[in-house]
Amino acid sequence: MEETKKMLRSILVSSPLTISVIKLNNDYKELVGVNIPFKELGYDCLLTFLHAIPDVLRVEGNTLQSPVNLIVSKKTEHVNAMVLKQKISKKSGGGFYGPSKKKAALPPRLARSRNMK
């Protein structure tokens, strides 16, 4: 139980944005390799488990889209403050090689009329 709580806390403290229950579970699976082990910890469903650990987090609702908020403790307060100060980057276009540096070409009919002038 304590190891699961520690992992959940680390996911939440590292995110400057509020995340949903489903995103929390996906991030946990990406980090640990398995879904949040609520059944192994004696709970029937993920939401019941998350509501049962108020020392770590607070779920605002009862759906998988409900937002999850970190309960900031003395231990996590300084880290949380630094994460909140981070600039949230927007996804840039372009993929692996970065944004395209090509200039937009005019459609052929407009290019022809421009050349005739």
PDB file of N, CA and C in Angstrom:
ATOM      1  N   MET A   1       0.830  -1.196   0.000  1.00  0.00           N
ATOM      2  CA  MET A   1       0.000   0.000   0.000  1.00  0.00           C
ATOM      3  C   MET A   1       0.871   1.256   0.000  1.00  0.00           C
ATOM      4  N   GLU A   2       1.901   1.291   0.834  1.00  0.00           N
ATOM      5  CA  GLU A   2       2.747   2.483   0.937  1.00  0.00           C
ATOM      6  C   GLU A   2       3.519   2.736  -0.359  1.00  0.00           C
ATOM      7  N   GLU A   3       3.950   1.668  -1.011  1.00  0.00           N
ATOM      8  CA  GLU A   3       4.676   1.829  -2.276  1.00  0.00           C
ATOM      9  C   GLU A   3       3.755   2.411  -3.354  1.00  0.00           C
ATOM     10  N   THR A   4       2.518   1.933  -3.400  1.00  0.00           N
ATOM     11  CA  THR A   4       1.537   2.454  -4.359  1.00  0.00           C
ATOM     12  C   THR A   4       1.252   3.923  -4.085  1.00  0.00           C
ATOM     13  N   LYS A   5       1.078   4.269  -2.823  1.00  0.00           N
ATOM     14  CA  LYS A   5       0.840   5.669  -2.445  1.00  0.00           C
ATOM     15  C   LYS A   5       2.014   6.553  -2.866  1.00  0.00           C
ATOM     16  N   LYS A   6       3.223   6.043  -2.660  1.00  0.00           N
ATOM     17  CA  LYS A   6       4.430   6.795  -3.007  1.00  0.00           C
ATOM     18  C   LYS A   6       4.486   7.063  -4.514  1.00  0.00           C
ATOM     19  N   MET A   7       4.138   6.052  -5.311  1.00  0.00           N
ATOM     20  CA  MET A   7       4.149   6.207  -6.765  1.00  0.00           C
ATOM     21  C   MET A   7       3.073   7.198  -7.212  1.00  0.00           C
ATOM     22  N   LEU A   8       1.880   7.105  -6.622  1.00  0.00           N
ATOM     23  CA  LEU A   8       0.798   8.032  -6.967  1.00  0.00           C
ATOM     24  C   LEU A   8       1.184   9.466  -6.613  1.00  0.00           C
ATOM     25  N   ARG A   9       1.787   9.629  -5.452  1.00  0.00           N
ATOM     26  CA  ARG A   9       2.227  10.956  -5.008  1.00  0.00           C
ATOM     27  C   ARG A   9       3.265  11.519  -5.983  1.00  0.00           C
ATOM     28  N   SER A  10       4.198  10.684  -6.416  1.00  0.00           N
ATOM     29  CA  SER A  10       5.241  11.164  -7.332  1.00  0.00           C
ATOM     30  C   SER A  10       4.659  11.560  -8.690  1.00  0.00           C
ATOM     31  N   ILE A  11       3.657  10.834  -9.158  1.00  0.00           N
ATOM     32  CA  ILE A  11       3.006  11.189 -10.426  1.00  0.00           C
ATOM     33  C   ILE A  11       2.295  12.533 -10.292  1.00  0.00           C
ATOM     34  N   LEU A  12       1.556  12.681  -9.208  1.00  0.00           N
ATOM     35  CA  LEU A  12       0.787  13.915  -9.014  1.00  0.00           C
ATOM     36  C   LEU A  12       1.674  15.129  -8.766  1.00  0.00           C
ATOM     37  N   VAL A  13       2.739  14.952  -8.005  1.00  0.00           N
ATOM     38  CA  VAL A  13       3.606  16.092  -7.692  1.00  0.00           C
ATOM     39  C   VAL A  13       4.384  16.547  -8.927  1.00  0.00           C
ATOM     40  N   SER A  14       4.619  15.646  -9.869  1.00  0.00           N
ATOM     41  CA  SER A  14       5.392  16.009 -11.058  1.00  0.00           C
ATOM     42  C   SER A  14       4.540  16.637 -12.156  1.00  0.00           C
ATOM     43  N   SER A  15       3.231  16.655 -11.975  1.00  0.00           N
ATOM     44  CA  SER A  15       2.354  17.225 -12.996  1.00  0.00           C
ATOM     45  C   SER A  15       1.866  18.610 -12.594  1.00  0.00           C
ATOM     46  N   PRO A  16       2.182  19.640 -13.392  1.00  0.00           N
ATOM     47  CA  PRO A  16       1.715  20.983 -13.052  1.00  0.00           C
ATOM     48  C   PRO A  16       0.224  21.170 -13.324  1.00  0.00           C
ATOM     49  N   LEU A  17      -0.368  20.256 -14.087  1.00  0.00           N
ATOM     50  CA  LEU A  17      -1.790  20.332 -14.402  1.00  0.00           C
ATOM     51  C   LEU A  17      -2.571  19.320 -13.587  1.00  0.00           C
ATOM     52  N   THR A  18      -3.844  19.606 -13.359  1.00  0.00           N
ATOM     53  CA  THR A  18      -4.719  18.631 -12.711  1.00  0.00           C
ATOM     54  C   THR A  18      -4.967  17.511 -13.710  1.00  0.00           C
ATOM     55  N   ILE A  19      -4.900  16.270 -13.245  1.00  0.00           N
ATOM     56  CA  ILE A  19      -5.123  15.144 -14.148  1.00  0.00           C
ATOM     57  C   ILE A  19      -6.349  14.358 -13.705  1.00  0.00           C
ATOM     58  N   SER A  20      -6.921  13.596 -14.628  1.00  0.00           N
ATOM     59  CA  SER A  20      -8.109  12.793 -14.347  1.00  0.00           C
ATOM     60  C   SER A  20      -7.702  11.443 -13.753  1.00  0.00           C
ATOM     61  N   VAL A  21      -8.696  10.735 -13.246  1.00  0.00           N
ATOM     62  CA  VAL A  21      -8.466   9.396 -12.685  1.00  0.00           C
ATOM     63  C   VAL A  21      -7.869   8.488 -13.755  1.00  0.00           C
ATOM     64  N   ILE A  22      -8.431   8.525 -14.949  1.00  0.00           N
ATOM     65  CA  ILE A  22      -7.948   7.647 -16.018  1.00  0.00           C
ATOM     66  C   ILE A  22      -6.517   8.008 -16.428  1.00  0.00           C
ATOM     67  N   LYS A  23      -6.201   9.298 -16.461  1.00  0.00           N
ATOM     68  CA  LYS A  23      -4.833   9.740 -16.788  1.00  0.00           C
ATOM     69  C   LYS A  23      -3.862   9.312 -15.693  1.00  0.00           C
ATOM     70  N   LEU A  24      -4.295   9.400 -14.438  1.00  0.00           N
ATOM     71  CA  LEU A  24      -3.463   8.953 -13.318  1.00  0.00           C
ATOM     72  C   LEU A  24      -3.145   7.468 -13.464  1.00  0.00           C
ATOM     73  N   ASN A  25      -4.157   6.665 -13.788  1.00  0.00           N
ATOM     74  CA  ASN A  25      -3.948   5.231 -13.969  1.00  0.00           C
ATOM     75  C   ASN A  25      -3.017   4.961 -15.152  1.00  0.00           C
ATOM     76  N   ASN A  26      -3.201   5.699 -16.249  1.00  0.00           N
ATOM     77  CA  ASN A  26      -2.332   5.527 -17.424  1.00  0.00           C
ATOM     78  C   ASN A  26      -0.889   5.906 -17.106  1.00  0.00           C
ATOM     79  N   ASP A  27      -0.709   7.003 -16.377  1.00  0.00           N
ATOM     80  CA  ASP A  27       0.645   7.426 -15.990  1.00  0.00           C
ATOM     81  C   ASP A  27       1.288   6.410 -15.050  1.00  0.00           C
ATOM     82  N   TYR A  28       0.497   5.848 -14.135  1.00  0.00           N
ATOM     83  CA  TYR A  28       0.990   4.822 -13.209  1.00  0.00           C
ATOM     84  C   TYR A  28       1.459   3.604 -14.013  1.00  0.00           C
ATOM     85  N   LYS A  29       0.617   3.189 -14.975  1.00  0.00           N
ATOM     86  CA  LYS A  29       0.961   2.022 -15.794  1.00  0.00           C
ATOM     87  C   LYS A  29       2.227   2.279 -16.606  1.00  0.00           C
ATOM     88  N   GLU A  30       2.371   3.490 -17.122  1.00  0.00           N
ATOM     89  CA  GLU A  30       3.568   3.842 -17.891  1.00  0.00           C
ATOM     90  C   GLU A  30       4.817   3.807 -17.011  1.00  0.00           C
ATOM     91  N   LEU A  31       4.677   4.224 -15.770  1.00  0.00           N
ATOM     92  CA  LEU A  31       5.805   4.288 -14.842  1.00  0.00           C
ATOM     93  C   LEU A  31       6.161   2.923 -14.255  1.00  0.00           C
ATOM     94  N   VAL A  32       5.134   2.175 -13.834  1.00  0.00           N
ATOM     95  CA  VAL A  32       5.349   0.923 -13.103  1.00  0.00           C
ATOM     96  C   VAL A  32       5.224  -0.320 -13.988  1.00  0.00           C
ATOM     97  N   GLY A  33       4.404  -0.229 -15.035  1.00  0.00           N
ATOM     98  CA  GLY A  33       4.220  -1.383 -15.911  1.00  0.00           C
ATOM     99  C   GLY A  33       2.900  -2.099 -15.727  1.00  0.00           C
ATOM    100  N   VAL A  34       2.154  -1.738 -14.682  1.00  0.00           N
ATOM    101  CA  VAL A  34       0.835  -2.326 -14.423  1.00  0.00           C
ATOM    102  C   VAL A  34      -0.117  -1.209 -13.996  1.00  0.00           C
ATOM    103  N   ASN A  35      -1.423  -1.498 -14.088  1.00  0.00           N
ATOM    104  CA  ASN A  35      -2.418  -0.546 -13.598  1.00  0.00           C
ATOM    105  C   ASN A  35      -2.311  -0.406 -12.085  1.00  0.00           C
ATOM    106  N   ILE A  36      -2.939   0.621 -11.534  1.00  0.00           N
ATOM    107  CA  ILE A  36      -2.961   0.792 -10.077  1.00  0.00           C
ATOM    108  C   ILE A  36      -3.570  -0.476  -9.472  1.00  0.00           C
ATOM    109  N   PRO A  37      -2.864  -1.154  -8.558  1.00  0.00           N
ATOM    110  CA  PRO A  37      -3.297  -2.470  -8.058  1.00  0.00           C
ATOM    111  C   PRO A  37      -4.362  -2.400  -6.953  1.00  0.00           C
ATOM    112  N   PHE A  38      -5.508  -1.786  -7.240  1.00  0.00           N
ATOM    113  CA  PHE A  38      -6.543  -1.613  -6.218  1.00  0.00           C
ATOM    114  C   PHE A  38      -7.125  -2.941  -5.743  1.00  0.00           C
ATOM    115  N   LYS A  39      -7.274  -3.928  -6.633  1.00  0.00           N
ATOM    116  CA  LYS A  39      -7.828  -5.232  -6.226  1.00  0.00           C
ATOM    117  C   LYS A  39      -6.883  -5.958  -5.278  1.00  0.00           C
ATOM    118  N   GLU A  40      -5.589  -5.897  -5.574  1.00  0.00           N
ATOM    119  CA  GLU A  40      -4.597  -6.536  -4.716  1.00  0.00           C
ATOM    120  C   GLU A  40      -4.559  -5.887  -3.334  1.00  0.00           C
ATOM    121  N   LEU A  41      -5.002  -4.633  -3.260  1.00  0.00           N
ATOM    122  CA  LEU A  41      -5.019  -3.909  -1.986  1.00  0.00           C
ATOM    123  C   LEU A  41      -6.366  -4.024  -1.277  1.00  0.00           C
ATOM    124  N   GLY A  42      -7.279  -4.851  -1.831  1.00  0.00           N
ATOM    125  CA  GLY A  42      -8.546  -5.140  -1.162  1.00  0.00           C
ATOM    126  C   GLY A  42      -9.724  -4.252  -1.538  1.00  0.00           C
ATOM    127  N   TYR A  43      -9.666  -3.574  -2.681  1.00  0.00           N
ATOM    128  CA  TYR A  43     -10.753  -2.683  -3.097  1.00  0.00           C
ATOM    129  C   TYR A  43     -11.417  -3.217  -4.357  1.00  0.00           C
ATOM    130  N   ASP A  44     -12.728  -2.979  -4.463  1.00  0.00           N
ATOM    131  CA  ASP A  44     -13.494  -3.470  -5.610  1.00  0.00           C
ATOM    132  C   ASP A  44     -13.277  -2.650  -6.876  1.00  0.00           C
ATOM    133  N   CYS A  45     -13.049  -1.354  -6.703  1.00  0.00           N
ATOM    134  CA  CYS A  45     -12.854  -0.514  -7.892  1.00  0.00           C
ATOM    135  C   CYS A  45     -11.808   0.563  -7.618  1.00  0.00           C
ATOM    136  N   LEU A  46     -11.276   1.098  -8.683  1.00  0.00           N
ATOM    137  CA  LEU A  46     -10.219   2.101  -8.600  1.00  0.00           C
ATOM    138  C   LEU A  46     -10.675   3.338  -7.836  1.00  0.00           C
ATOM    139  N   LEU A  47     -11.885   3.821  -8.126  1.00  0.00           N
ATOM    140  CA  LEU A  47     -12.378   5.026  -7.450  1.00  0.00           C
ATOM    141  C   LEU A  47     -12.496   4.825  -5.942  1.00  0.00           C
ATOM    142  N   THR A  48     -12.958   3.661  -5.522  1.00  0.00           N
ATOM    143  CA  THR A  48     -13.070   3.367  -4.087  1.00  0.00           C
ATOM    144  C   THR A  48     -11.699   3.427  -3.429  1.00  0.00           C
ATOM    145  N   PHE A  49     -10.702   2.846  -4.093  1.00  0.00           N
ATOM    146  CA  PHE A  49      -9.339   2.885  -3.562  1.00  0.00           C
ATOM    147  C   PHE A  49      -8.830   4.317  -3.453  1.00  0.00           C
ATOM    148  N   LEU A  50      -8.998   5.094  -4.520  1.00  0.00           N
ATOM    149  CA  LEU A  50      -8.490   6.469  -4.516  1.00  0.00           C
ATOM    150  C   LEU A  50      -9.176   7.324  -3.447  1.00  0.00           C
ATOM    151  N   HIS A  51     -10.473   7.106  -3.250  1.00  0.00           N
ATOM    152  CA  HIS A  51     -11.187   7.840  -2.194  1.00  0.00           C
ATOM    153  C   HIS A  51     -10.718   7.411  -0.800  1.00  0.00           C
ATOM    154  N   ALA A  52     -10.126   6.223  -0.701  1.00  0.00           N
ATOM    155  CA  ALA A  52      -9.689   5.688   0.597  1.00  0.00           C
ATOM    156  C   ALA A  52      -8.289   6.149   1.009  1.00  0.00           C
ATOM    157  N   ILE A  53      -7.636   6.946   0.172  1.00  0.00           N
ATOM    158  CA  ILE A  53      -6.297   7.435   0.535  1.00  0.00           C
ATOM    159  C   ILE A  53      -6.274   8.974   0.561  1.00  0.00           C
ATOM    160  N   PRO A  54      -7.058   9.575   1.461  1.00  0.00           N
ATOM    161  CA  PRO A  54      -7.148  11.042   1.519  1.00  0.00           C
ATOM    162  C   PRO A  54      -5.864  11.715   1.994  1.00  0.00           C
ATOM    163  N   ASP A  55      -4.931  10.948   2.525  1.00  0.00           N
ATOM    164  CA  ASP A  55      -3.643  11.523   2.922  1.00  0.00           C
ATOM    165  C   ASP A  55      -2.740  11.781   1.715  1.00  0.00           C
ATOM    166  N   VAL A  56      -3.088  11.207   0.559  1.00  0.00           N
ATOM    167  CA  VAL A  56      -2.278  11.336  -0.652  1.00  0.00           C
ATOM    168  C   VAL A  56      -2.954  12.223  -1.698  1.00  0.00           C
ATOM    169  N   LEU A  57      -4.250  11.985  -1.915  1.00  0.00           N
ATOM    170  CA  LEU A  57      -4.939  12.685  -2.992  1.00  0.00           C
ATOM    171  C   LEU A  57      -6.419  12.867  -2.689  1.00  0.00           C
ATOM    172  N   ARG A  58      -7.043  13.735  -3.506  1.00  0.00           N
ATOM    173  CA  ARG A  58      -8.486  13.951  -3.393  1.00  0.00           C
ATOM    174  C   ARG A  58      -9.072  13.860  -4.797  1.00  0.00           C
ATOM    175  N   VAL A  59     -10.093  13.002  -4.944  1.00  0.00           N
ATOM    176  CA  VAL A  59     -10.798  12.861  -6.215  1.00  0.00           C
ATOM    177  C   VAL A  59     -12.063  13.698  -6.124  1.00  0.00           C
ATOM    178  N   GLU A  60     -12.249  14.590  -7.082  1.00  0.00           N
ATOM    179  CA  GLU A  60     -13.414  15.467  -7.084  1.00  0.00           C
ATOM    180  C   GLU A  60     -14.489  14.902  -7.999  1.00  0.00           C
ATOM    181  N   GLY A  61     -15.168  13.864  -7.537  1.00  0.00           N
ATOM    182  CA  GLY A  61     -16.226  13.241  -8.321  1.00  0.00           C
ATOM    183  C   GLY A  61     -16.153  11.730  -8.234  1.00  0.00           C
ATOM    184  N   ASN A  62     -16.997  11.083  -9.034  1.00  0.00           N
ATOM    185  CA  ASN A  62     -17.064   9.623  -9.000  1.00  0.00           C
ATOM    186  C   ASN A  62     -17.013   8.994 -10.384  1.00  0.00           C
ATOM    187  N   THR A  63     -16.311   9.643 -11.304  1.00  0.00           N
ATOM    188  CA  THR A  63     -16.151   9.070 -12.641  1.00  0.00           C
ATOM    189  C   THR A  63     -14.662   8.990 -12.969  1.00  0.00           C
ATOM    190  N   LEU A  64     -14.351   8.279 -14.032  1.00  0.00           N
ATOM    191  CA  LEU A  64     -12.952   8.154 -14.447  1.00  0.00           C
ATOM    192  C   LEU A  64     -12.403   9.460 -15.015  1.00  0.00           C
ATOM    193  N   GLN A  65     -13.297  10.389 -15.359  1.00  0.00           N
ATOM    194  CA  GLN A  65     -12.865  11.699 -15.847  1.00  0.00           C
ATOM    195  C   GLN A  65     -12.725  12.719 -14.716  1.00  0.00           C
ATOM    196  N   SER A  66     -13.055  12.327 -13.487  1.00  0.00           N
ATOM    197  CA  SER A  66     -12.974  13.240 -12.340  1.00  0.00           C
ATOM    198  C   SER A  66     -11.538  13.691 -12.113  1.00  0.00           C
ATOM    199  N   PRO A  67     -11.358  14.977 -11.778  1.00  0.00           N
ATOM    200  CA  PRO A  67     -10.007  15.471 -11.503  1.00  0.00           C
ATOM    201  C   PRO A  67      -9.452  14.936 -10.186  1.00  0.00           C
ATOM    202  N   VAL A  68      -8.153  14.728 -10.160  1.00  0.00           N
ATOM    203  CA  VAL A  68      -7.455  14.229  -8.972  1.00  0.00           C
ATOM    204  C   VAL A  68      -6.460  15.300  -8.532  1.00  0.00           C
ATOM    205  N   ASN A  69      -6.502  15.652  -7.260  1.00  0.00           N
ATOM    206  CA  ASN A  69      -5.594  16.670  -6.718  1.00  0.00           C
ATOM    207  C   ASN A  69      -4.696  16.070  -5.651  1.00  0.00           C
ATOM    208  N   LEU A  70      -3.446  16.469  -5.672  1.00  0.00           N
ATOM    209  CA  LEU A  70      -2.468  16.041  -4.674  1.00  0.00           C
ATOM    210  C   LEU A  70      -2.756  16.720  -3.345  1.00  0.00           C
ATOM    211  N   ILE A  71      -2.652  15.982  -2.266  1.00  0.00           N
ATOM    212  CA  ILE A  71      -2.685  16.558  -0.925  1.00  0.00           C
ATOM    213  C   ILE A  71      -1.230  16.870  -0.590  1.00  0.00           C
ATOM    214  N   VAL A  72      -0.929  18.147  -0.506  1.00  0.00           N
ATOM    215  CA  VAL A  72       0.455  18.576  -0.296  1.00  0.00           C
ATOM    216  C   VAL A  72       0.830  18.417   1.173  1.00  0.00           C
ATOM    217  N   SER A  73       1.924  17.689   1.406  1.00  0.00           N
ATOM    218  CA  SER A  73       2.436  17.489   2.763  1.00  0.00           C
ATOM    219  C   SER A  73       3.700  18.322   2.935  1.00  0.00           C
ATOM    220  N   LYS A  74       4.237  18.335   4.128  1.00  0.00           N
ATOM    221  CA  LYS A  74       5.496  19.056   4.387  1.00  0.00           C
ATOM    222  C   LYS A  74       6.611  18.526   3.479  1.00  0.00           C
ATOM    223  N   LYS A  75       6.611  17.197   3.250  1.00  0.00           N
ATOM    224  CA  LYS A  75       7.656  16.576   2.436  1.00  0.00           C
ATOM    225  C   LYS A  75       7.565  16.980   0.963  1.00  0.00           C
ATOM    226  N   THR A  76       6.345  17.161   0.469  1.00  0.00           N
ATOM    227  CA  THR A  76       6.174  17.446  -0.957  1.00  0.00           C
ATOM    228  C   THR A  76       5.946  18.924  -1.262  1.00  0.00           C
ATOM    229  N   GLU A  77       5.849  19.741  -0.251  1.00  0.00           N
ATOM    230  CA  GLU A  77       5.516  21.154  -0.440  1.00  0.00           C
ATOM    231  C   GLU A  77       6.515  21.885  -1.342  1.00  0.00           C
ATOM    232  N   HIS A  78       7.815  21.716  -1.091  1.00  0.00           N
ATOM    233  CA  HIS A  78       8.817  22.425  -1.886  1.00  0.00           C
ATOM    234  C   HIS A  78       8.851  21.941  -3.330  1.00  0.00           C
ATOM    235  N   VAL A  79       8.695  20.640  -3.544  1.00  0.00           N
ATOM    236  CA  VAL A  79       8.691  20.094  -4.901  1.00  0.00           C
ATOM    237  C   VAL A  79       7.456  20.591  -5.646  1.00  0.00           C
ATOM    238  N   ASN A  80       6.318  20.571  -4.970  1.00  0.00           N
ATOM    239  CA  ASN A  80       5.075  21.038  -5.578  1.00  0.00           C
ATOM    240  C   ASN A  80       5.190  22.509  -5.982  1.00  0.00           C
ATOM    241  N   ALA A  81       5.802  23.317  -5.148  1.00  0.00           N
ATOM    242  CA  ALA A  81       5.976  24.741  -5.451  1.00  0.00           C
ATOM    243  C   ALA A  81       6.839  24.928  -6.700  1.00  0.00           C
ATOM    244  N   MET A  82       7.893  24.140  -6.836  1.00  0.00           N
ATOM    245  CA  MET A  82       8.764  24.247  -8.014  1.00  0.00           C
ATOM    246  C   MET A  82       8.036  23.812  -9.281  1.00  0.00           C
ATOM    247  N   VAL A  83       7.273  22.735  -9.196  1.00  0.00           N
ATOM    248  CA  VAL A  83       6.540  22.238 -10.359  1.00  0.00           C
ATOM    249  C   VAL A  83       5.505  23.266 -10.806  1.00  0.00           C
ATOM    250  N   LEU A  84       4.834  23.900  -9.858  1.00  0.00           N
ATOM    251  CA  LEU A  84       3.818  24.889 -10.206  1.00  0.00           C
ATOM    252  C   LEU A  84       4.420  26.122 -10.872  1.00  0.00           C
ATOM    253  N   LYS A  85       5.694  26.398 -10.611  1.00  0.00           N
ATOM    254  CA  LYS A  85       6.365  27.549 -11.226  1.00  0.00           C
ATOM    255  C   LYS A  85       6.845  27.254 -12.639  1.00  0.00           C
ATOM    256  N   GLN A  86       6.864  25.968 -13.018  1.00  0.00           N
ATOM    257  CA  GLN A  86       7.348  25.597 -14.346  1.00  0.00           C
ATOM    258  C   GLN A  86       6.437  26.164 -15.419  1.00  0.00           C
ATOM    259  N   LYS A  87       7.061  26.519 -16.519  1.00  0.00           N
ATOM    260  CA  LYS A  87       6.294  26.977 -17.662  1.00  0.00           C
ATOM    261  C   LYS A  87       5.694  25.743 -18.323  1.00  0.00           C
ATOM    262  N   ILE A  88       4.421  25.795 -18.608  1.00  0.00           N
ATOM    263  CA  ILE A  88       3.758  24.675 -19.260  1.00  0.00           C
ATOM    264  C   ILE A  88       3.927  24.864 -20.759  1.00  0.00           C
ATOM    265  N   SER A  89       4.666  23.942 -21.370  1.00  0.00           N
ATOM    266  CA  SER A  89       4.952  24.090 -22.796  1.00  0.00           C
ATOM    267  C   SER A  89       3.791  23.571 -23.627  1.00  0.00           C
ATOM    268  N   LYS A  90       3.555  24.274 -24.729  1.00  0.00           N
ATOM    269  CA  LYS A  90       2.547  23.829 -25.682  1.00  0.00           C
ATOM    270  C   LYS A  90       3.237  22.880 -26.641  1.00  0.00           C
ATOM    271  N   LYS A  91       2.476  21.914 -27.145  1.00  0.00           N
ATOM    272  CA  LYS A  91       3.057  21.000 -28.119  1.00  0.00           C
ATOM    273  C   LYS A  91       3.345  21.772 -29.391  1.00  0.00           C
ATOM    274  N   SER A  92       4.564  21.628 -29.875  1.00  0.00           N
ATOM    275  CA  SER A  92       4.908  22.290 -31.131  1.00  0.00           C
ATOM    276  C   SER A  92       4.682  21.314 -32.267  1.00  0.00           C
ATOM    277  N   GLY A  93       4.382  21.827 -33.408  1.00  0.00           N
ATOM    278  CA  GLY A  93       4.168  20.977 -34.565  1.00  0.00           C
ATOM    279  C   GLY A  93       5.480  20.437 -35.075  1.00  0.00           C
ATOM    280  N   GLY A  94       5.403  19.491 -35.959  1.00  0.00           N
ATOM    281  CA  GLY A  94       6.618  19.091 -36.630  1.00  0.00           C
ATOM    282  C   GLY A  94       7.121  17.702 -36.331  1.00  0.00           C
ATOM    283  N   GLY A  95       6.929  17.176 -35.175  1.00  0.00           N
ATOM    284  CA  GLY A  95       7.403  15.838 -34.891  1.00  0.00           C
ATOM    285  C   GLY A  95       8.896  15.742 -34.702  1.00  0.00           C
ATOM    286  N   PHE A  96       9.508  14.663 -35.194  1.00  0.00           N
ATOM    287  CA  PHE A  96      10.901  14.332 -34.928  1.00  0.00           C
ATOM    288  C   PHE A  96      11.885  15.396 -35.413  1.00  0.00           C
ATOM    289  N   TYR A  97      11.672  15.906 -36.607  1.00  0.00           N
ATOM    290  CA  TYR A  97      12.624  16.853 -37.182  1.00  0.00           C
ATOM    291  C   TYR A  97      12.254  18.310 -36.932  1.00  0.00           C
ATOM    292  N   GLY A  98      11.256  18.561 -36.134  1.00  0.00           N
ATOM    293  CA  GLY A  98      10.851  19.929 -35.831  1.00  0.00           C
ATOM    294  C   GLY A  98       9.853  20.451 -36.846  1.00  0.00           C
ATOM    295  N   PRO A  99       9.444  21.701 -36.681  1.00  0.00           N
ATOM    296  CA  PRO A  99       8.454  22.269 -37.591  1.00  0.00           C
ATOM    297  C   PRO A  99       9.000  22.378 -39.014  1.00  0.00           C
ATOM    298  N   SER A 100       8.119  22.287 -39.964  1.00  0.00           N
ATOM    299  CA  SER A 100       8.503  22.382 -41.371  1.00  0.00           C
ATOM    300  C   SER A 100       9.014  23.783 -41.679  1.00  0.00           C
ATOM    301  N   LYS A 101      10.084  23.855 -42.459  1.00  0.00           N
ATOM    302  CA  LYS A 101      10.652  25.146 -42.833  1.00  0.00           C
ATOM    303  C   LYS A 101      10.274  25.521 -44.265  1.00  0.00           C
ATOM    304  N   LYS A 102       9.424  24.705 -44.899  1.00  0.00           N
ATOM    305  CA  LYS A 102       8.974  24.984 -46.258  1.00  0.00           C
ATOM    306  C   LYS A 102       8.068  26.203 -46.254  1.00  0.00           C
ATOM    307  N   LYS A 103       8.190  26.992 -47.301  1.00  0.00           N
ATOM    308  CA  LYS A 103       7.261  28.104 -47.474  1.00  0.00           C
ATOM    309  C   LYS A 103       6.019  27.557 -48.152  1.00  0.00           C
ATOM    310  N   ALA A 104       4.881  28.085 -47.784  1.00  0.00           N
ATOM    311  CA  ALA A 104       3.640  27.641 -48.394  1.00  0.00           C
ATOM    312  C   ALA A 104       3.612  28.088 -49.848  1.00  0.00           C
ATOM    313  N   ALA A 105       3.328  27.152 -50.731  1.00  0.00           N
ATOM    314  CA  ALA A 105       3.263  27.467 -52.155  1.00  0.00           C
ATOM    315  C   ALA A 105       1.854  27.912 -52.506  1.00  0.00           C
ATOM    316  N   LEU A 106       1.765  28.807 -53.475  1.00  0.00           N
ATOM    317  CA  LEU A 106       0.458  29.227 -53.958  1.00  0.00           C
ATOM    318  C   LEU A 106      -0.135  28.113 -54.801  1.00  0.00           C
ATOM    319  N   PRO A 107      -1.455  27.984 -54.808  1.00  0.00           N
ATOM    320  CA  PRO A 107      -2.077  27.007 -55.695  1.00  0.00           C
ATOM    321  C   PRO A 107      -1.691  27.335 -57.141  1.00  0.00           C
ATOM    322  N   PRO A 108      -1.590  26.330 -58.022  1.00  0.00           N
ATOM    323  CA  PRO A 108      -1.120  26.546 -59.396  1.00  0.00           C
ATOM    324  C   PRO A 108      -1.853  27.660 -60.135  1.00  0.00           C
ATOM    325  N   ARG A 109      -3.178  27.764 -59.998  1.00  0.00           N
ATOM    326  CA  ARG A 109      -3.917  28.784 -60.744  1.00  0.00           C
ATOM    327  C   ARG A 109      -3.525  30.190 -60.295  1.00  0.00           C
ATOM    328  N   LEU A 110      -3.223  30.360 -58.988  1.00  0.00           N
ATOM    329  CA  LEU A 110      -2.812  31.669 -58.497  1.00  0.00           C
ATOM    330  C   LEU A 110      -1.362  31.966 -58.859  1.00  0.00           C
ATOM    331  N   ALA A 111      -0.538  30.950 -58.867  1.00  0.00           N
ATOM    332  CA  ALA A 111       0.870  31.133 -59.216  1.00  0.00           C
ATOM    333  C   ALA A 111       1.001  31.577 -60.667  1.00  0.00           C
ATOM    334  N   ARG A 112       0.194  30.983 -61.591  1.00  0.00           N
ATOM    335  CA  ARG A 112       0.219  31.347 -63.007  1.00  0.00           C
ATOM    336  C   ARG A 112      -0.207  32.793 -63.200  1.00  0.00           C
ATOM    337  N   SER A 113      -1.283  33.193 -62.523  1.00  0.00           N
ATOM    338  CA  SER A 113      -1.792  34.557 -62.708  1.00  0.00           C
ATOM    339  C   SER A 113      -0.806  35.581 -62.154  1.00  0.00           C
ATOM    340  N   ARG A 114      -0.070  35.228 -61.143  1.00  0.00           N
ATOM    341  CA  ARG A 114       0.916  36.134 -60.562  1.00  0.00           C
ATOM    342  C   ARG A 114       2.115  36.302 -61.505  1.00  0.00           C
ATOM    343  N   ASN A 115       2.490  35.204 -62.190  1.00  0.00           N
ATOM    344  CA  ASN A 115       3.619  35.255 -63.122  1.00  0.00           C
ATOM    345  C   ASN A 115       3.289  36.054 -64.383  1.00  0.00           C
ATOM    346  N   MET A 116       2.012  36.161 -64.743  1.00  0.00           N
ATOM    347  CA  MET A 116       1.601  36.858 -65.958  1.00  0.00           C
ATOM    348  C   MET A 116       1.682  38.372 -65.794  1.00  0.00           C
ATOM    349  N   LYS A 117       1.682  38.876 -64.591  1.00  0.00           N
ATOM    350  CA  LYS A 117       1.676  40.324 -64.347  1.00  0.00           C
ATOM    351  C   LYS A 117       2.987  40.962 -64.622  1.00  0.00           C
TER     352      LYS A 117
END
